[in-house]
Amino acid sequence: MTNTDDNSDATVIRRPAAPAAGDKARQDSSHQPPLRDAVLSGAFFGTGQEDNARRVAVMLTRTECILDTWFGDRAPVLRADTTALAARIERDIVTLDRMIARQLDAIVHHARMRRLEGSWRALDWLAVSLPLSGRIKLRFLDLTWQEVCRDLERATAFDQSHLFRQIYEQEFGIAGGEPFGLLVADYEIRHRPGPGAPTDDISALMALSQVAAAAFAPLVVGASPALFGVDDFGALSGVPDPVAVMAAVDYQRWKKLRAQSDTRFLSVTLPRVTMRRPWNETLHQARGFRYREGSGAADTRVWSTAGYLVAACAIRAFEAYSWPADMRGYDMDREGGGVIDTLAQPLASIDPPEGNGRPALDLILTDRQERALVAAGFMPVSAIPFGGELLIGTARSLQQPDTGYSGPNKGEAIANSRLSAQFNSILCVSRFSHYLKVMGRDMTGAFMTATEIQDRLRRWLARYTTANPGSMETLALYPLRQAEVSVADDLARPGVFSCVIHLEPHFQLDDVAVTFRLVTELSAPGRG
């Protein structure tokens, strides 16, 4: 405003200058409670905390007012002493890091998250350990155990399930299909439903063993601690006989399952295997945050079933010998067998950086416990003393050997029954069965007679058979001591043939004559 009177002095009234944006933001921040108190108390997310969440977002985008927003009216006092200000900021950063770490702990320690991470890490470990020759193929199917059980329950018979079509018909029933050599079911089974486990695992295992037997694809599954009446395997560490509980009445269905002939194609492994050490990051300059996992307790670690270890040993043996028998046991003079030494070993805070050789298991079995588990039809993974290596000492299937024989050859018959339940032997004879079945499928499609198919299959088997044991090199070329195959017409289904196979392997197996009898059918692609 100006005065227009010439005789008076001119007076100019000016509007006060507007404060700078940073000064205005600091003034606004100084009139609000310190955001520090809200953040450190966790009151900046969730219902009713929208204002504080908005203030956090503004603070992170407008760094010129970060101190005033964070400390509120205490900011001017702290600015006067830069040393005290720096110390206060460092303490708050440490507190924030702890809060973030607790949130990460809550995520990575959740039971479902740990189970998911363990499965994917185990699959990654197996894929990385595959040989580079290209002879081994790895395929995976993402299914929950509830989906598997529902599929098998809804099917009128095991061969009417979607899983059967996926494993059997898509490989044997189609020209060019490639049969599976081994199935790893990454699930933990129990003998009866329980809290959080409403499925009927016994019925599902019965159907799965039938699918595995039909496809000559031995299957490995994990055992749940609930199968032994405990919440975790660590509770069995002081139990001399971990399978004594199975004498109870509620294990009758489990015993009936073991008595089925098809369960020789099924193996149950334990205990669990550690797939990751606790996070202990070094400080990353670009990120400025170091995550150290808050607990090393067993119930917060990432575990997986031991089926992946069985697959790794079988793959290694097949790659070395084209014969998966050498997948168990320990030989100090050579590598191989059932030894696994490439898993992440758990570390303790007092360990040296290179570790202290702790086995990656949630239960260290004694010799007595291991023998009891093997006798009960399990495939346990143990720890080699004074080292971090793991060992599959015995490859047992779930099948209960038949000991009800009588007569002069009773001992030999019982021994044969026990050896025929060896999982590695089933892997070997299944591999021959794959070739016989695929060859028979192709010959059936060529309209050959039962006699012609039988003669050709016998000639093919003779190429791998010798009755005279020789050097290891000779046995590798002729892994069968005896072999016989019989093919006959299926009168009820024209164009389909029944096939009975008798195989007696002797390469890298126990030095006892064991004959395996396998029954299947031969049909042209797209039928049967």
Protein backbone atom coordinates (compact mmCIF):
# COMPACT_ATOMS: atom_id res chain seq x y z
CA MET A 1 0.00 0.00 0.00
CA THR A 2 1.21 3.56 -0.71
CA ASN A 3 0.09 7.00 0.45
CA THR A 4 -0.65 9.30 -2.51
CA ASP A 5 -0.25 12.53 -0.51
CA ASP A 6 2.86 14.22 -1.95
CA ASN A 7 3.50 16.19 1.29
CA SER A 8 3.80 13.15 3.43
CA ASP A 9 6.56 10.61 3.54
CA ALA A 10 5.92 7.50 1.50
CA THR A 11 5.38 4.44 3.64
CA VAL A 12 5.67 0.95 2.13
CA ILE A 13 4.06 -2.00 3.84
CA ARG A 14 5.43 -5.37 2.57
CA ARG A 15 4.10 -8.92 3.16
CA PRO A 16 6.52 -11.03 5.20
CA ALA A 17 8.65 -13.32 3.06
CA ALA A 18 7.38 -16.92 2.87
CA PRO A 19 9.62 -19.45 4.67
CA ALA A 20 11.59 -21.92 2.60
CA ALA A 21 10.01 -25.32 1.99
CA GLY A 22 12.45 -27.03 4.32
CA ASP A 23 11.87 -24.46 7.07
CA LYS A 24 8.11 -24.86 6.75
CA ALA A 25 8.39 -28.64 6.90
CA ARG A 26 10.56 -28.40 9.99
CA GLN A 27 8.06 -26.02 11.59
CA ASP A 28 5.21 -28.42 10.82
CA SER A 29 7.21 -31.36 12.14
CA SER A 30 8.11 -29.58 15.36
CA HIS A 31 4.43 -29.19 16.21
CA GLN A 32 3.75 -32.93 15.92
CA PRO A 33 4.78 -35.68 18.32
CA PRO A 34 8.07 -37.37 17.44
CA LEU A 35 7.59 -40.04 14.81
CA ARG A 36 10.37 -41.97 16.55
CA ASP A 37 8.08 -42.91 19.43
CA ALA A 38 5.38 -44.21 17.11
CA VAL A 39 7.75 -46.24 14.91
CA LEU A 40 9.75 -47.83 17.73
CA SER A 41 6.51 -48.84 19.43
CA GLY A 42 5.16 -50.34 16.20
CA ALA A 43 2.31 -47.85 15.93
CA PHE A 44 2.76 -47.01 12.26
CA PHE A 45 0.89 -49.78 10.46
CA GLY A 46 -2.50 -51.41 10.73
CA THR A 47 -5.96 -50.05 11.32
CA GLY A 48 -6.03 -46.65 12.99
CA GLN A 49 -2.40 -45.84 12.24
CA GLU A 50 -2.90 -44.24 8.83
CA ASP A 51 -1.56 -40.84 9.95
CA ASN A 52 1.70 -42.25 11.27
CA ALA A 53 2.11 -44.40 8.17
CA ARG A 54 1.66 -41.30 6.03
CA ARG A 55 4.24 -39.43 8.11
CA VAL A 56 6.73 -42.27 7.60
CA ALA A 57 6.21 -42.07 3.84
CA VAL A 58 6.71 -38.30 3.86
CA MET A 59 9.84 -38.57 5.99
CA LEU A 60 11.40 -41.07 3.60
CA THR A 61 10.77 -38.85 0.59
CA ARG A 62 11.63 -35.44 2.14
CA THR A 63 15.03 -35.92 3.70
CA GLU A 64 15.43 -32.21 4.52
CA CYS A 65 13.04 -32.60 7.45
CA ILE A 66 13.91 -36.11 8.55
CA LEU A 67 15.49 -35.09 11.88
CA ASP A 68 12.60 -32.83 12.86
CA THR A 69 10.03 -35.45 11.90
CA TRP A 70 11.87 -38.22 13.71
CA PHE A 71 12.80 -36.40 16.93
CA GLY A 72 10.04 -33.74 16.99
CA ASP A 73 10.65 -30.80 19.37
CA ARG A 74 13.82 -32.50 20.66
CA ALA A 75 15.56 -32.02 17.31
CA PRO A 76 16.92 -28.45 18.00
CA VAL A 77 18.51 -29.59 21.27
CA LEU A 78 20.12 -32.63 19.61
CA ARG A 79 21.47 -30.50 16.75
CA ALA A 80 23.49 -28.51 19.26
CA ASP A 81 25.54 -31.61 20.12
CA THR A 82 26.44 -33.52 16.97
CA THR A 83 28.17 -36.30 18.93
CA ALA A 84 25.06 -36.99 20.99
CA LEU A 85 22.92 -36.74 17.85
CA ALA A 86 25.05 -39.32 16.02
CA ALA A 87 24.94 -41.68 19.01
CA ARG A 88 21.15 -41.36 19.28
CA ILE A 89 20.75 -42.06 15.55
CA GLU A 90 23.01 -45.13 15.76
CA ARG A 91 21.01 -46.52 18.66
CA ASP A 92 17.75 -46.00 16.79
CA ILE A 93 19.15 -47.70 13.68
CA VAL A 94 20.15 -50.72 15.78
CA THR A 95 16.66 -50.81 17.28
CA LEU A 96 15.09 -50.64 13.82
CA ASP A 97 17.35 -53.44 12.59
CA ARG A 98 16.20 -55.61 15.48
CA MET A 99 12.57 -54.86 14.70
CA ILE A 100 13.06 -55.78 11.04
CA ALA A 101 14.93 -58.94 12.04
CA ARG A 102 12.06 -59.99 14.31
CA GLN A 103 9.62 -59.50 11.46
CA LEU A 104 11.81 -61.58 9.14
CA ASP A 105 12.13 -64.24 11.84
CA ALA A 106 8.35 -64.43 12.10
CA ILE A 107 8.18 -65.08 8.36
CA VAL A 108 11.03 -67.55 7.86
CA HIS A 109 10.25 -69.44 11.09
CA HIS A 110 6.61 -70.06 10.24
CA ALA A 111 6.02 -73.80 9.88
CA ARG A 112 4.54 -73.58 6.38
CA MET A 113 7.30 -71.26 5.19
CA ARG A 114 10.03 -73.54 6.55
CA ARG A 115 8.41 -76.56 4.90
CA LEU A 116 8.14 -74.77 1.56
CA GLU A 117 11.71 -73.47 1.72
CA GLY A 118 13.02 -76.90 2.70
CA SER A 119 11.35 -78.57 -0.27
CA TRP A 120 12.64 -76.07 -2.81
CA ARG A 121 16.14 -76.02 -1.36
CA ALA A 122 16.26 -79.83 -1.41
CA LEU A 123 15.09 -79.88 -5.02
CA ASP A 124 17.71 -77.27 -5.91
CA TRP A 125 20.40 -79.30 -4.11
CA LEU A 126 19.43 -82.41 -6.05
CA ALA A 127 19.35 -80.56 -9.37
CA VAL A 128 22.78 -79.02 -8.79
CA SER A 129 24.22 -82.43 -7.89
CA LEU A 130 23.02 -84.01 -11.14
CA PRO A 131 25.81 -85.21 -13.46
CA LEU A 132 26.32 -83.27 -16.66
CA SER A 133 26.25 -86.28 -18.99
CA GLY A 134 22.57 -85.76 -19.79
CA ARG A 135 21.66 -89.37 -18.95
CA ILE A 136 19.66 -88.31 -15.90
CA LYS A 137 16.44 -86.34 -16.20
CA LEU A 138 14.71 -84.63 -13.31
CA ARG A 139 10.99 -83.88 -13.44
CA PHE A 140 8.79 -82.55 -10.67
CA LEU A 141 5.07 -82.28 -10.07
CA ASP A 142 3.74 -79.66 -7.65
CA LEU A 143 0.99 -81.32 -5.60
CA THR A 144 -0.01 -81.04 -1.97
CA TRP A 145 -0.50 -84.22 0.02
CA GLN A 146 -4.19 -83.37 0.37
CA GLU A 147 -4.49 -83.25 -3.43
CA VAL A 148 -2.74 -86.61 -3.78
CA CYS A 149 -5.03 -88.24 -1.22
CA ARG A 150 -8.15 -86.71 -2.73
CA ASP A 151 -7.22 -87.97 -6.21
CA LEU A 152 -6.59 -91.51 -4.96
CA GLU A 153 -9.73 -91.56 -2.79
CA ARG A 154 -12.05 -90.42 -5.57
CA ALA A 155 -10.74 -92.99 -8.06
CA THR A 156 -12.67 -96.27 -8.16
CA ALA A 157 -9.30 -98.07 -8.43
CA PHE A 158 -5.69 -96.96 -8.30
CA ASP A 159 -5.37 -97.27 -12.10
CA GLN A 160 -8.26 -94.83 -12.55
CA SER A 161 -6.53 -91.97 -10.74
CA HIS A 162 -4.98 -88.93 -12.38
CA LEU A 163 -1.69 -89.78 -10.71
CA PHE A 164 -1.63 -93.22 -12.35
CA ARG A 165 -2.24 -91.66 -15.74
CA GLN A 166 0.55 -89.17 -15.12
CA ILE A 167 3.12 -91.75 -13.99
CA TYR A 168 2.13 -94.85 -15.95
CA GLU A 169 0.00 -94.11 -18.98
CA GLN A 170 1.85 -90.98 -20.08
CA GLU A 171 5.11 -92.98 -20.23
CA PHE A 172 4.25 -96.63 -20.94
CA GLY A 173 1.03 -96.00 -22.82
CA ILE A 174 2.44 -93.54 -25.36
CA ALA A 175 5.10 -94.27 -27.96
CA GLY A 176 8.28 -92.46 -27.01
CA GLY A 177 7.39 -92.32 -23.32
CA GLU A 178 10.24 -92.56 -20.81
CA PRO A 179 9.45 -94.57 -17.65
CA PHE A 180 10.41 -93.13 -14.28
CA GLY A 181 13.32 -94.82 -12.52
CA LEU A 182 12.58 -93.42 -9.05
CA LEU A 183 9.82 -91.35 -7.47
CA VAL A 184 10.47 -89.04 -4.51
CA ALA A 185 7.29 -88.04 -2.69
CA ASP A 186 8.26 -85.08 -0.51
CA TYR A 187 5.62 -85.70 2.14
CA GLU A 188 5.63 -86.85 5.75
CA ILE A 189 3.19 -89.66 6.42
CA ARG A 190 1.63 -90.93 9.63
CA HIS A 191 -0.39 -93.98 10.66
CA ARG A 192 -3.60 -92.12 11.49
CA PRO A 193 -5.13 -88.66 11.06
CA GLY A 194 -4.25 -86.04 13.62
CA PRO A 195 -4.35 -82.28 14.30
CA GLY A 196 -3.61 -80.49 11.05
CA ALA A 197 -3.40 -83.81 9.18
CA PRO A 198 -6.93 -84.99 8.30
CA THR A 199 -5.89 -87.36 5.49
CA ASP A 200 -5.95 -91.16 5.53
CA ASP A 201 -2.27 -91.76 4.81
CA ILE A 202 -2.48 -95.57 4.99
CA SER A 203 -5.03 -95.77 2.17
CA ALA A 204 -3.01 -93.29 0.12
CA LEU A 205 0.20 -95.27 0.62
CA MET A 206 -1.55 -98.47 -0.42
CA ALA A 207 -2.66 -96.90 -3.68
CA LEU A 208 0.72 -95.23 -4.25
CA SER A 209 2.54 -98.54 -3.82
CA GLN A 210 0.24 -100.06 -6.44
CA VAL A 211 0.97 -97.20 -8.83
CA ALA A 212 4.72 -97.57 -8.20
CA ALA A 213 4.59 -101.34 -8.73
CA ALA A 214 2.61 -101.03 -11.97
CA ALA A 215 5.06 -98.46 -13.33
CA PHE A 216 8.14 -100.25 -11.90
CA ALA A 217 9.01 -96.91 -10.32
CA PRO A 218 10.08 -97.39 -6.67
CA LEU A 219 8.82 -94.57 -4.47
CA VAL A 220 10.41 -92.89 -1.44
CA VAL A 221 8.38 -90.95 1.13
CA GLY A 222 9.25 -89.36 4.46
CA ALA A 223 8.09 -90.37 7.93
CA SER A 224 6.36 -87.92 10.25
CA PRO A 225 7.42 -87.84 13.91
CA ALA A 226 3.76 -88.57 14.68
CA LEU A 227 4.29 -92.03 13.20
CA PHE A 228 6.43 -92.76 16.26
CA GLY A 229 4.14 -91.02 18.73
CA VAL A 230 6.23 -87.85 19.18
CA ASP A 231 6.01 -84.24 18.05
CA ASP A 232 9.58 -84.05 16.74
CA PHE A 233 12.33 -86.57 16.03
CA GLY A 234 14.54 -85.06 18.71
CA ALA A 235 12.24 -86.62 21.31
CA LEU A 236 13.45 -90.06 20.18
CA SER A 237 17.09 -89.37 21.00
CA GLY A 238 16.89 -91.13 24.36
CA VAL A 239 14.53 -93.92 23.29
CA PRO A 240 16.37 -97.26 22.90
CA ASP A 241 13.70 -98.78 20.64
CA PRO A 242 11.91 -96.09 18.61
CA VAL A 243 9.55 -98.63 16.97
CA ALA A 244 8.32 -100.22 20.20
CA VAL A 245 5.25 -97.98 20.03
CA MET A 246 4.16 -99.79 16.85
CA ALA A 247 3.04 -102.80 18.89
CA ALA A 248 -0.05 -100.79 19.88
CA VAL A 249 -3.50 -101.58 18.52
CA ASP A 250 -3.77 -98.41 16.43
CA TYR A 251 -0.91 -99.64 14.22
CA GLN A 252 -2.87 -102.62 12.86
CA ARG A 253 -3.53 -100.92 9.52
CA TRP A 254 0.15 -100.03 9.28
CA LYS A 255 1.05 -103.70 9.75
CA LYS A 256 -1.46 -104.74 7.08
CA LEU A 257 0.10 -102.21 4.72
CA ARG A 258 3.55 -103.73 5.25
CA ALA A 259 2.21 -107.20 4.47
CA GLN A 260 1.22 -106.19 0.92
CA SER A 261 3.56 -107.37 -1.85
CA ASP A 262 3.49 -104.02 -3.67
CA THR A 263 5.04 -102.22 -0.69
CA ARG A 264 8.44 -103.57 -1.73
CA PHE A 265 8.27 -100.66 -4.19
CA LEU A 266 7.80 -98.24 -1.28
CA SER A 267 10.40 -96.95 1.16
CA VAL A 268 9.91 -94.66 4.17
CA THR A 269 12.88 -92.53 5.24
CA LEU A 270 13.79 -90.62 8.37
CA PRO A 271 14.87 -88.38 10.06
CA ARG A 272 14.74 -84.91 8.56
CA VAL A 273 17.70 -83.21 6.91
CA THR A 274 18.88 -79.62 7.39
CA MET A 275 18.73 -77.71 4.11
CA ARG A 276 19.94 -74.28 5.28
CA ARG A 277 22.07 -72.81 8.02
CA PRO A 278 20.62 -69.90 10.01
CA TRP A 279 21.05 -66.58 8.26
CA ASN A 280 24.15 -64.72 9.44
CA GLU A 281 24.81 -62.04 6.87
CA THR A 282 27.84 -59.82 6.70
CA LEU A 283 27.17 -56.10 6.55
CA HIS A 284 26.24 -55.07 3.03
CA GLN A 285 27.34 -51.52 2.39
CA ALA A 286 24.78 -50.84 -0.33
CA ARG A 287 21.89 -52.08 1.77
CA GLY A 288 23.10 -51.14 5.22
CA PHE A 289 21.17 -53.91 6.95
CA ARG A 290 22.58 -57.12 8.37
CA TYR A 291 20.13 -59.91 9.05
CA ARG A 292 21.09 -62.44 11.69
CA GLU A 293 18.45 -65.08 12.25
CA GLY A 294 17.17 -64.89 15.79
CA SER A 295 17.08 -68.55 16.81
CA GLY A 296 18.99 -71.70 16.06
CA ALA A 297 16.53 -74.00 17.80
CA ALA A 298 15.47 -77.17 16.02
CA ASP A 299 11.88 -75.96 15.64
CA THR A 300 13.04 -72.92 13.64
CA ARG A 301 15.39 -74.64 11.20
CA VAL A 302 14.66 -75.46 7.59
CA TRP A 303 14.21 -79.22 7.20
CA SER A 304 13.44 -81.54 4.33
CA THR A 305 12.62 -85.20 4.01
CA ALA A 306 15.52 -87.57 3.31
CA GLY A 307 14.08 -88.85 0.03
CA TYR A 308 16.24 -86.42 -1.92
CA LEU A 309 19.34 -88.06 -0.42
CA VAL A 310 18.14 -91.47 -1.62
CA ALA A 311 17.66 -90.03 -5.10
CA ALA A 312 21.14 -88.47 -5.08
CA CYS A 313 22.79 -91.78 -4.14
CA ALA A 314 20.82 -93.71 -6.76
CA ILE A 315 21.68 -91.15 -9.44
CA ARG A 316 25.37 -91.26 -8.55
CA ALA A 317 25.41 -95.06 -8.73
CA PHE A 318 23.55 -95.14 -12.03
CA GLU A 319 25.85 -92.55 -13.55
CA ALA A 320 28.93 -94.53 -12.50
CA TYR A 321 27.77 -98.07 -13.35
CA SER A 322 24.49 -97.75 -15.29
CA TRP A 323 23.18 -99.81 -12.38
CA PRO A 324 21.70 -98.23 -9.21
CA ALA A 325 22.68 -100.97 -6.73
CA ASP A 326 25.58 -99.03 -5.17
CA MET A 327 23.34 -96.56 -3.35
CA ARG A 328 23.88 -97.72 0.24
CA GLY A 329 26.71 -98.70 2.52
CA TYR A 330 30.13 -97.26 3.22
CA ASP A 331 33.49 -98.28 1.76
CA MET A 332 36.56 -96.47 3.06
CA ASP A 333 38.55 -97.32 -0.08
CA ARG A 334 36.34 -95.49 -2.57
CA GLU A 335 33.73 -92.82 -3.00
CA GLY A 336 30.09 -93.65 -3.54
CA GLY A 337 27.69 -95.94 -1.78
CA GLY A 338 25.31 -94.24 0.60
CA VAL A 339 27.64 -91.44 1.75
CA ILE A 340 26.41 -87.84 1.40
CA ASP A 341 28.84 -85.04 2.19
CA THR A 342 27.55 -81.99 0.32
CA LEU A 343 24.83 -80.74 2.67
CA ALA A 344 25.05 -77.58 4.77
CA GLN A 345 26.23 -78.63 8.23
CA PRO A 346 24.77 -76.76 11.22
CA LEU A 347 27.07 -74.29 12.97
CA ALA A 348 27.21 -73.13 16.57
CA SER A 349 28.39 -69.73 17.75
CA ILE A 350 31.62 -71.21 19.15
CA ASP A 351 32.49 -73.09 15.96
CA PRO A 352 35.41 -72.05 13.75
CA PRO A 353 34.49 -70.53 10.37
CA GLU A 354 35.00 -73.87 8.60
CA GLY A 355 32.51 -75.59 10.90
CA ASN A 356 32.75 -78.37 13.41
CA GLY A 357 31.43 -81.36 11.46
CA ARG A 358 27.91 -81.52 12.86
CA PRO A 359 25.58 -83.84 10.93
CA ALA A 360 22.71 -82.14 9.11
CA LEU A 361 20.05 -84.25 10.86
CA ASP A 362 17.43 -83.55 13.50
CA LEU A 363 18.10 -86.94 15.12
CA ILE A 364 21.45 -88.71 15.51
CA LEU A 365 20.62 -92.41 15.59
CA THR A 366 22.50 -94.94 17.68
CA ASP A 367 23.42 -98.32 16.19
CA ARG A 368 20.66 -99.95 18.20
CA GLN A 369 18.05 -97.46 17.02
CA GLU A 370 19.15 -97.84 13.41
CA ARG A 371 18.91 -101.64 13.55
CA ALA A 372 15.43 -101.42 15.07
CA LEU A 373 14.25 -99.04 12.36
CA VAL A 374 15.66 -101.21 9.57
CA ALA A 375 13.98 -104.29 11.02
CA ALA A 376 10.68 -102.36 11.06
CA GLY A 377 10.94 -101.57 7.34
CA PHE A 378 12.38 -98.04 7.41
CA MET A 379 15.33 -96.57 5.54
CA PRO A 380 17.13 -94.47 8.18
CA VAL A 381 19.82 -91.90 7.47
CA SER A 382 22.59 -91.93 10.05
CA ALA A 383 25.70 -89.87 10.75
CA ILE A 384 29.24 -91.12 10.23
CA PRO A 385 31.09 -90.64 13.54
CA PHE A 386 33.61 -87.79 13.84
CA GLY A 387 32.50 -86.03 10.70
CA GLY A 388 29.63 -84.24 9.04
CA GLU A 389 28.92 -86.90 6.42
CA LEU A 390 25.57 -88.69 6.30
CA LEU A 391 25.07 -92.34 5.45
CA ILE A 392 22.32 -94.51 4.04
CA GLY A 393 23.58 -97.77 5.49
CA THR A 394 20.77 -100.09 4.45
CA ALA A 395 18.24 -99.65 1.66
CA ARG A 396 15.08 -101.29 2.98
CA SER A 397 11.62 -101.19 1.53
CA LEU A 398 8.54 -101.03 3.72
CA GLN A 399 7.47 -104.59 2.93
CA GLN A 400 7.43 -107.06 5.81
CA PRO A 401 9.46 -110.15 4.76
CA ASP A 402 7.47 -113.37 4.89
CA THR A 403 8.81 -115.57 7.69
CA GLY A 404 6.00 -118.12 7.67
CA TYR A 405 7.83 -120.69 5.58
CA SER A 406 8.24 -124.32 6.66
CA GLY A 407 10.14 -127.30 5.35
CA PRO A 408 13.79 -128.15 4.76
CA ASN A 409 14.48 -124.93 2.82
CA LYS A 410 12.88 -122.64 5.40
CA GLY A 411 16.07 -120.69 6.15
CA GLU A 412 16.83 -120.10 2.48
CA ALA A 413 13.25 -119.03 1.77
CA ILE A 414 13.23 -116.54 4.65
CA ALA A 415 16.59 -115.11 3.56
CA ASN A 416 15.31 -114.77 -0.01
CA SER A 417 12.20 -112.98 1.27
CA ARG A 418 14.28 -110.51 3.25
CA LEU A 419 16.67 -109.80 0.41
CA SER A 420 13.85 -109.36 -2.08
CA ALA A 421 12.61 -106.49 0.12
CA GLN A 422 15.85 -104.55 -0.46
CA PHE A 423 15.04 -101.23 -2.10
CA ASN A 424 18.23 -101.04 -4.19
CA SER A 425 17.51 -104.50 -5.63
CA ILE A 426 14.03 -103.36 -6.61
CA LEU A 427 15.57 -100.35 -8.35
CA CYS A 428 17.80 -102.65 -10.39
CA VAL A 429 15.18 -105.15 -11.52
CA SER A 430 12.76 -102.30 -12.24
CA ARG A 431 15.23 -100.87 -14.71
CA PHE A 432 15.26 -104.14 -16.65
CA SER A 433 11.47 -104.26 -16.44
CA HIS A 434 11.27 -100.82 -18.06
CA TYR A 435 13.13 -102.05 -21.12
CA LEU A 436 11.18 -105.30 -21.33
CA LYS A 437 7.86 -103.50 -21.04
CA VAL A 438 8.72 -100.83 -23.62
CA MET A 439 10.07 -103.44 -26.04
CA GLY A 440 6.95 -105.54 -25.52
CA ARG A 441 4.77 -102.50 -26.10
CA ASP A 442 6.43 -101.77 -29.42
CA MET A 443 6.26 -105.41 -30.52
CA THR A 444 2.60 -105.62 -29.56
CA GLY A 445 1.94 -102.64 -31.77
CA ALA A 446 3.70 -104.52 -34.60
CA PHE A 447 1.12 -107.36 -34.29
CA MET A 448 3.60 -110.00 -33.15
CA THR A 449 2.40 -113.17 -31.43
CA ALA A 450 3.03 -114.04 -27.80
CA THR A 451 5.67 -116.60 -28.78
CA GLU A 452 7.52 -114.12 -30.99
CA ILE A 453 7.51 -111.48 -28.27
CA GLN A 454 8.70 -113.99 -25.67
CA ASP A 455 11.57 -115.24 -27.84
CA ARG A 456 12.80 -111.75 -28.60
CA LEU A 457 12.67 -110.67 -24.95
CA ARG A 458 14.56 -113.80 -23.90
CA ARG A 459 17.28 -113.13 -26.45
CA TRP A 460 17.61 -109.58 -25.20
CA LEU A 461 17.92 -110.71 -21.56
CA ALA A 462 20.57 -113.26 -22.52
CA ARG A 463 22.86 -110.38 -23.53
CA TYR A 464 23.11 -109.35 -19.85
CA THR A 465 23.20 -112.79 -18.21
CA THR A 466 26.09 -114.98 -17.09
CA ALA A 467 26.15 -117.86 -14.63
CA ASN A 468 29.89 -117.54 -14.00
CA PRO A 469 30.81 -114.71 -11.63
CA GLY A 470 34.00 -113.02 -12.70
CA SER A 471 35.64 -109.65 -12.22
CA MET A 472 33.72 -106.51 -11.40
CA GLU A 473 34.13 -105.40 -15.00
CA THR A 474 32.53 -108.63 -16.21
CA LEU A 475 29.66 -108.35 -13.74
CA ALA A 476 29.05 -104.78 -14.85
CA LEU A 477 28.49 -106.07 -18.38
CA TYR A 478 26.44 -109.07 -17.23
CA PRO A 479 24.61 -107.99 -14.04
CA LEU A 480 22.15 -110.93 -14.11
CA ARG A 481 22.90 -114.48 -12.99
CA GLN A 482 19.64 -115.86 -14.38
CA ALA A 483 16.73 -114.40 -16.30
CA GLU A 484 13.46 -115.78 -17.62
CA VAL A 485 10.39 -114.23 -19.19
CA SER A 486 7.06 -115.77 -20.12
CA VAL A 487 4.47 -114.11 -22.37
CA ALA A 488 0.91 -115.36 -22.89
CA ASP A 489 -2.25 -114.05 -24.51
CA ASP A 490 -4.80 -112.41 -22.26
CA LEU A 491 -7.92 -114.25 -23.41
CA ALA A 492 -10.23 -111.67 -21.86
CA ARG A 493 -8.61 -108.78 -23.74
CA PRO A 494 -7.49 -109.43 -27.31
CA GLY A 495 -4.27 -107.63 -28.19
CA VAL A 496 -3.07 -107.61 -24.57
CA PHE A 497 -0.45 -110.05 -23.24
CA SER A 498 0.38 -111.09 -19.70
CA CYS A 499 4.08 -111.13 -18.90
CA VAL A 500 5.89 -112.80 -15.99
CA ILE A 501 9.55 -111.89 -15.44
CA HIS A 502 12.06 -113.74 -13.24
CA LEU A 503 15.36 -111.93 -12.63
CA GLU A 504 18.29 -112.89 -10.42
CA PRO A 505 20.79 -110.00 -10.24
CA HIS A 506 24.27 -110.48 -8.78
CA PHE A 507 26.22 -107.27 -9.45
CA GLN A 508 26.92 -105.03 -6.41
CA LEU A 509 24.27 -106.84 -4.38
CA ASP A 510 24.53 -109.13 -1.38
CA ASP A 511 26.27 -112.39 -2.26
CA VAL A 512 23.09 -114.46 -1.94
CA ALA A 513 20.97 -115.78 -4.81
CA VAL A 514 17.67 -113.91 -4.86
CA THR A 515 15.09 -114.25 -7.62
CA PHE A 516 12.59 -111.47 -8.24
CA ARG A 517 9.24 -112.26 -9.79
CA LEU A 518 7.54 -109.39 -11.56
CA VAL A 519 4.16 -109.50 -13.26
CA THR A 520 2.96 -106.99 -15.84
CA GLU A 521 1.04 -106.73 -19.06
CA LEU A 522 2.10 -105.77 -22.57
CA SER A 523 -0.16 -103.78 -24.85
CA ALA A 524 0.09 -101.46 -27.80
CA PRO A 525 0.35 -97.72 -27.15
CA GLY A 526 -2.98 -96.16 -26.29
CA ARG A 527 -4.69 -99.24 -24.90
CA GLY A 528 -4.57 -101.53 -21.88
